[in-house]
PDB file of N, CA and C in Angstrom:
ATOM      1  N   MET A   1       0.847  -1.184   0.000  1.00  0.00           N
ATOM      2  CA  MET A   1       0.000   0.000   0.000  1.00  0.00           C
ATOM      3  C   MET A   1       0.886   1.239   0.000  1.00  0.00           C
ATOM      4  N   ASP A   2       0.606   2.165  -0.908  1.00  0.00           N
ATOM      5  CA  ASP A   2       1.396   3.382  -1.055  1.00  0.00           C
ATOM      6  C   ASP A   2       0.765   4.486  -0.214  1.00  0.00           C
ATOM      7  N   LEU A   3       1.509   5.008   0.752  1.00  0.00           N
ATOM      8  CA  LEU A   3       0.967   6.016   1.654  1.00  0.00           C
ATOM      9  C   LEU A   3       1.335   7.443   1.246  1.00  0.00           C
ATOM     10  N   GLU A   4       2.209   7.594   0.261  1.00  0.00           N
ATOM     11  CA  GLU A   4       2.595   8.928  -0.167  1.00  0.00           C
ATOM     12  C   GLU A   4       1.476   9.576  -0.977  1.00  0.00           C
ATOM     13  N   GLU A   5       1.325  10.882  -0.777  1.00  0.00           N
ATOM     14  CA  GLU A   5       0.326  11.628  -1.521  1.00  0.00           C
ATOM     15  C   GLU A   5       0.867  11.908  -2.921  1.00  0.00           C
ATOM     16  N   HIS A   6       0.055  11.647  -3.925  1.00  0.00           N
ATOM     17  CA  HIS A   6       0.448  11.887  -5.306  1.00  0.00           C
ATOM     18  C   HIS A   6      -0.476  12.931  -5.907  1.00  0.00           C
ATOM     19  N   THR A   7       0.114  13.873  -6.627  1.00  0.00           N
ATOM     20  CA  THR A   7      -0.679  14.873  -7.319  1.00  0.00           C
ATOM     21  C   THR A   7      -0.267  14.908  -8.779  1.00  0.00           C
ATOM     22  N   ASN A   8      -1.129  15.434  -9.592  1.00  0.00           N
ATOM     23  CA  ASN A   8      -0.843  15.584 -11.011  1.00  0.00           C
ATOM     24  C   ASN A   8      -0.482  17.018 -11.366  1.00  0.00           C
ATOM     25  N   ASP A   9      -0.161  17.819 -10.343  1.00  0.00           N
ATOM     26  CA  ASP A   9       0.206  19.208 -10.570  1.00  0.00           C
ATOM     27  C   ASP A   9       1.541  19.278 -11.298  1.00  0.00           C
ATOM     28  N   PRO A  10       1.665  20.231 -12.233  1.00  0.00           N
ATOM     29  CA  PRO A  10       2.948  20.389 -12.916  1.00  0.00           C
ATOM     30  C   PRO A  10       3.998  20.908 -11.941  1.00  0.00           C
ATOM     31  N   VAL A  11       5.247  20.660 -12.258  1.00  0.00           N
ATOM     32  CA  VAL A  11       6.333  21.166 -11.421  1.00  0.00           C
ATOM     33  C   VAL A  11       6.378  22.679 -11.581  1.00  0.00           C
ATOM     34  N   VAL A  12       6.335  23.379 -10.466  1.00  0.00           N
ATOM     35  CA  VAL A  12       6.350  24.832 -10.497  1.00  0.00           C
ATOM     36  C   VAL A  12       7.640  25.310  -9.851  1.00  0.00           C
ATOM     37  N   GLU A  13       8.443  26.001 -10.651  1.00  0.00           N
ATOM     38  CA  GLU A  13       9.670  26.588 -10.123  1.00  0.00           C
ATOM     39  C   GLU A  13       9.306  27.853  -9.353  1.00  0.00           C
ATOM     40  N   ARG A  14      10.020  28.116  -8.309  1.00  0.00           N
ATOM     41  CA  ARG A  14       9.744  29.286  -7.487  1.00  0.00           C
ATOM     42  C   ARG A  14      10.860  30.313  -7.561  1.00  0.00           C
ATOM     43  N   THR A  15      11.893  30.016  -8.375  1.00  0.00           N
ATOM     44  CA  THR A  15      13.003  30.949  -8.537  1.00  0.00           C
ATOM     45  C   THR A  15      13.290  31.160 -10.016  1.00  0.00           C
ATOM     46  N   CYS A  16      13.877  32.307 -10.340  1.00  0.00           N
ATOM     47  CA  CYS A  16      14.218  32.656 -11.715  1.00  0.00           C
ATOM     48  C   CYS A  16      15.303  31.721 -12.230  1.00  0.00           C
ATOM     49  N   ALA A  17      15.128  31.225 -13.455  1.00  0.00           N
ATOM     50  CA  ALA A  17      16.095  30.318 -14.066  1.00  0.00           C
ATOM     51  C   ALA A  17      17.414  31.025 -14.369  1.00  0.00           C
ATOM     52  N   GLU A  18      17.410  32.345 -14.473  1.00  0.00           N
ATOM     53  CA  GLU A  18      18.622  33.100 -14.798  1.00  0.00           C
ATOM     54  C   GLU A  18      19.382  33.549 -13.557  1.00  0.00           C
ATOM     55  N   CYS A  19      18.681  34.201 -12.626  1.00  0.00           N
ATOM     56  CA  CYS A  19      19.385  34.822 -11.490  1.00  0.00           C
ATOM     57  C   CYS A  19      19.077  34.187 -10.141  1.00  0.00           C
ATOM     58  N   GLY A  20      18.061  33.325 -10.071  1.00  0.00           N
ATOM     59  CA  GLY A  20      17.744  32.653  -8.822  1.00  0.00           C
ATOM     60  C   GLY A  20      16.871  33.465  -7.874  1.00  0.00           C
ATOM     61  N   ALA A  21      16.373  34.616  -8.326  1.00  0.00           N
ATOM     62  CA  ALA A  21      15.512  35.446  -7.484  1.00  0.00           C
ATOM     63  C   ALA A  21      14.176  34.745  -7.246  1.00  0.00           C
ATOM     64  N   LYS A  22      13.595  34.983  -6.078  1.00  0.00           N
ATOM     65  CA  LYS A  22      12.293  34.400  -5.759  1.00  0.00           C
ATOM     66  C   LYS A  22      11.233  35.043  -6.647  1.00  0.00           C
ATOM     67  N   LEU A  23      10.406  34.212  -7.297  1.00  0.00           N
ATOM     68  CA  LEU A  23       9.377  34.703  -8.208  1.00  0.00           C
ATOM     69  C   LEU A  23       8.097  35.050  -7.472  1.00  0.00           C
ATOM     70  N   THR A  24       7.409  36.080  -7.976  1.00  0.00           N
ATOM     71  CA  THR A  24       6.109  36.445  -7.429  1.00  0.00           C
ATOM     72  C   THR A  24       5.053  35.535  -8.047  1.00  0.00           C
ATOM     73  N   ALA A  25       3.875  35.550  -7.501  1.00  0.00           N
ATOM     74  CA  ALA A  25       2.774  34.739  -8.033  1.00  0.00           C
ATOM     75  C   ALA A  25       2.477  35.128  -9.477  1.00  0.00           C
ATOM     76  N   GLN A  26       2.550  36.427  -9.800  1.00  0.00           N
ATOM     77  CA  GLN A  26       2.297  36.894 -11.166  1.00  0.00           C
ATOM     78  C   GLN A  26       3.366  36.380 -12.127  1.00  0.00           C
ATOM     79  N   GLU A  27       4.631  36.377 -11.693  1.00  0.00           N
ATOM     80  CA  GLU A  27       5.714  35.886 -12.550  1.00  0.00           C
ATOM     81  C   GLU A  27       5.581  34.387 -12.803  1.00  0.00           C
ATOM     82  N   ILE A  28       5.193  33.637 -11.778  1.00  0.00           N
ATOM     83  CA  ILE A  28       4.990  32.194 -11.933  1.00  0.00           C
ATOM     84  C   ILE A  28       3.845  31.937 -12.901  1.00  0.00           C
ATOM     85  N   GLU A  29       2.748  32.663 -12.749  1.00  0.00           N
ATOM     86  CA  GLU A  29       1.592  32.474 -13.624  1.00  0.00           C
ATOM     87  C   GLU A  29       1.943  32.830 -15.070  1.00  0.00           C
ATOM     88  N   ALA A  30       2.678  33.918 -15.276  1.00  0.00           N
ATOM     89  CA  ALA A  30       3.071  34.326 -16.627  1.00  0.00           C
ATOM     90  C   ALA A  30       3.967  33.274 -17.272  1.00  0.00           C
ATOM     91  N   SER A  31       4.869  32.697 -16.493  1.00  0.00           N
ATOM     92  CA  SER A  31       5.762  31.665 -17.015  1.00  0.00           C
ATOM     93  C   SER A  31       4.992  30.415 -17.391  1.00  0.00           C
ATOM     94  N   MET A  32       4.025  30.050 -16.579  1.00  0.00           N
ATOM     95  CA  MET A  32       3.219  28.863 -16.865  1.00  0.00           C
ATOM     96  C   MET A  32       2.359  29.095 -18.106  1.00  0.00           C
ATOM     97  N   ASP A  33       1.799  30.301 -18.245  1.00  0.00           N
ATOM     98  CA  ASP A  33       0.956  30.617 -19.396  1.00  0.00           C
ATOM     99  C   ASP A  33       1.751  30.598 -20.697  1.00  0.00           C
ATOM    100  N   SER A  34       2.995  31.097 -20.638  1.00  0.00           N
ATOM    101  CA  SER A  34       3.810  31.171 -21.854  1.00  0.00           C
ATOM    102  C   SER A  34       4.443  29.832 -22.206  1.00  0.00           C
ATOM    103  N   GLY A  35       4.498  28.934 -21.227  1.00  0.00           N
ATOM    104  CA  GLY A  35       5.125  27.639 -21.469  1.00  0.00           C
ATOM    105  C   GLY A  35       6.642  27.723 -21.525  1.00  0.00           C
ATOM    106  N   GLY A  36       7.157  28.893 -21.236  1.00  0.00           N
ATOM    107  CA  GLY A  36       8.604  29.102 -21.290  1.00  0.00           C
ATOM    108  C   GLY A  36       9.275  28.848 -19.964  1.00  0.00           C
ATOM    109  N   PRO A  37      10.522  29.250 -19.860  1.00  0.00           N
ATOM    110  CA  PRO A  37      11.241  29.076 -18.601  1.00  0.00           C
ATOM    111  C   PRO A  37      10.675  30.004 -17.524  1.00  0.00           C
ATOM    112  N   PHE A  38      10.913  29.661 -16.288  1.00  0.00           N
ATOM    113  CA  PHE A  38      10.460  30.479 -15.174  1.00  0.00           C
ATOM    114  C   PHE A  38      11.466  31.603 -14.972  1.00  0.00           C
ATOM    115  N   LEU A  39      11.038  32.844 -15.294  1.00  0.00           N
ATOM    116  CA  LEU A  39      11.928  33.996 -15.228  1.00  0.00           C
ATOM    117  C   LEU A  39      11.301  35.119 -14.417  1.00  0.00           C
ATOM    118  N   CYS A  40      12.170  35.917 -13.757  1.00  0.00           N
ATOM    119  CA  CYS A  40      11.697  37.108 -13.061  1.00  0.00           C
ATOM    120  C   CYS A  40      11.312  38.145 -14.117  1.00  0.00           C
ATOM    121  N   THR A  41      10.661  39.211 -13.722  1.00  0.00           N
ATOM    122  CA  THR A  41      10.190  40.228 -14.660  1.00  0.00           C
ATOM    123  C   THR A  41      11.337  40.816 -15.470  1.00  0.00           C
ATOM    124  N   ILE A  42      12.466  41.067 -14.827  1.00  0.00           N
ATOM    125  CA  ILE A  42      13.615  41.666 -15.512  1.00  0.00           C
ATOM    126  C   ILE A  42      14.109  40.755 -16.637  1.00  0.00           C
ATOM    127  N   HIS A  43      14.306  39.479 -16.342  1.00  0.00           N
ATOM    128  CA  HIS A  43      14.818  38.572 -17.358  1.00  0.00           C
ATOM    129  C   HIS A  43      13.757  38.205 -18.393  1.00  0.00           C
ATOM    130  N   ALA A  44      12.497  38.220 -18.021  1.00  0.00           N
ATOM    131  CA  ALA A  44      11.434  37.925 -18.976  1.00  0.00           C
ATOM    132  C   ALA A  44      11.348  39.016 -20.045  1.00  0.00           C
ATOM    133  N   THR A  45      11.591  40.271 -19.679  1.00  0.00           N
ATOM    134  CA  THR A  45      11.535  41.358 -20.653  1.00  0.00           C
ATOM    135  C   THR A  45      12.759  41.365 -21.563  1.00  0.00           C
ATOM    136  N   GLU A  46      13.855  40.774 -21.109  1.00  0.00           N
ATOM    137  CA  GLU A  46      15.076  40.715 -21.914  1.00  0.00           C
ATOM    138  C   GLU A  46      15.045  39.597 -22.948  1.00  0.00           C
ATOM    139  N   GLU A  47      14.186  38.603 -22.753  1.00  0.00           N
ATOM    140  CA  GLU A  47      14.155  37.446 -23.643  1.00  0.00           C
ATOM    141  C   GLU A  47      13.523  37.814 -24.979  1.00  0.00           C
ATOM    142  N   ILE A  48      14.203  37.421 -26.082  1.00  0.00           N
ATOM    143  CA  ILE A  48      13.722  37.691 -27.432  1.00  0.00           C
ATOM    144  C   ILE A  48      13.263  36.379 -28.047  1.00  0.00           C
ATOM    145  N   PRO A  49      12.018  36.303 -28.539  1.00  0.00           N
ATOM    146  CA  PRO A  49      11.576  35.080 -29.220  1.00  0.00           C
ATOM    147  C   PRO A  49      12.469  34.793 -30.423  1.00  0.00           C
ATOM    148  N   LEU A  50      12.667  33.513 -30.749  1.00  0.00           N
ATOM    149  CA  LEU A  50      13.570  33.131 -31.828  1.00  0.00           C
ATOM    150  C   LEU A  50      13.203  33.749 -33.169  1.00  0.00           C
ATOM    151  N   GLU A  51      11.915  33.853 -33.498  1.00  0.00           N
ATOM    152  CA  GLU A  51      11.541  34.422 -34.786  1.00  0.00           C
ATOM    153  C   GLU A  51      11.896  35.907 -34.871  1.00  0.00           C
ATOM    154  N   ASP A  52      11.863  36.633 -33.756  1.00  0.00           N
ATOM    155  CA  ASP A  52      12.245  38.039 -33.739  1.00  0.00           C
ATOM    156  C   ASP A  52      13.763  38.201 -33.811  1.00  0.00           C
ATOM    157  N   GLU A  53      14.497  37.234 -33.294  1.00  0.00           N
ATOM    158  CA  GLU A  53      15.950  37.287 -33.281  1.00  0.00           C
ATOM    159  C   GLU A  53      16.507  37.300 -34.705  1.00  0.00           C
ATOM    160  N   ASP A  54      15.894  36.539 -35.623  1.00  0.00           N
ATOM    161  CA  ASP A  54      16.340  36.491 -37.012  1.00  0.00           C
ATOM    162  C   ASP A  54      16.146  37.839 -37.698  1.00  0.00           C
ATOM    163  N   GLU A  55      15.070  38.535 -37.365  1.00  0.00           N
ATOM    164  CA  GLU A  55      14.792  39.832 -37.967  1.00  0.00           C
ATOM    165  C   GLU A  55      15.745  40.920 -37.482  1.00  0.00           C
ATOM    166  N   ALA A  56      16.263  40.778 -36.248  1.00  0.00           N
ATOM    167  CA  ALA A  56      17.155  41.776 -35.681  1.00  0.00           C
ATOM    168  C   ALA A  56      18.462  41.837 -36.463  1.00  0.00           C
ATOM    169  N   GLY A  57      18.901  40.704 -36.969  1.00  0.00           N
ATOM    170  CA  GLY A  57      20.117  40.644 -37.774  1.00  0.00           C
ATOM    171  C   GLY A  57      21.370  40.849 -36.947  1.00  0.00           C
ATOM    172  N   PRO A  58      22.533  40.695 -37.580  1.00  0.00           N
ATOM    173  CA  PRO A  58      23.807  40.836 -36.859  1.00  0.00           C
ATOM    174  C   PRO A  58      24.198  42.259 -36.629  1.00  0.00           C
TER     175      PRO A  58
END
């Protein structure tokens, strides 16, 4: 008999993948909605989608 509690909740990171800062509830929700990495507001605004990166050019 298995006594451990099991949930189907996705793994939720609580710190920024770049700097390790503690994420707010809004930052966690935004990261989950975008399907991207868990980032703080500062690093999320710095991230450029790949399709936009090609247009920026060298």
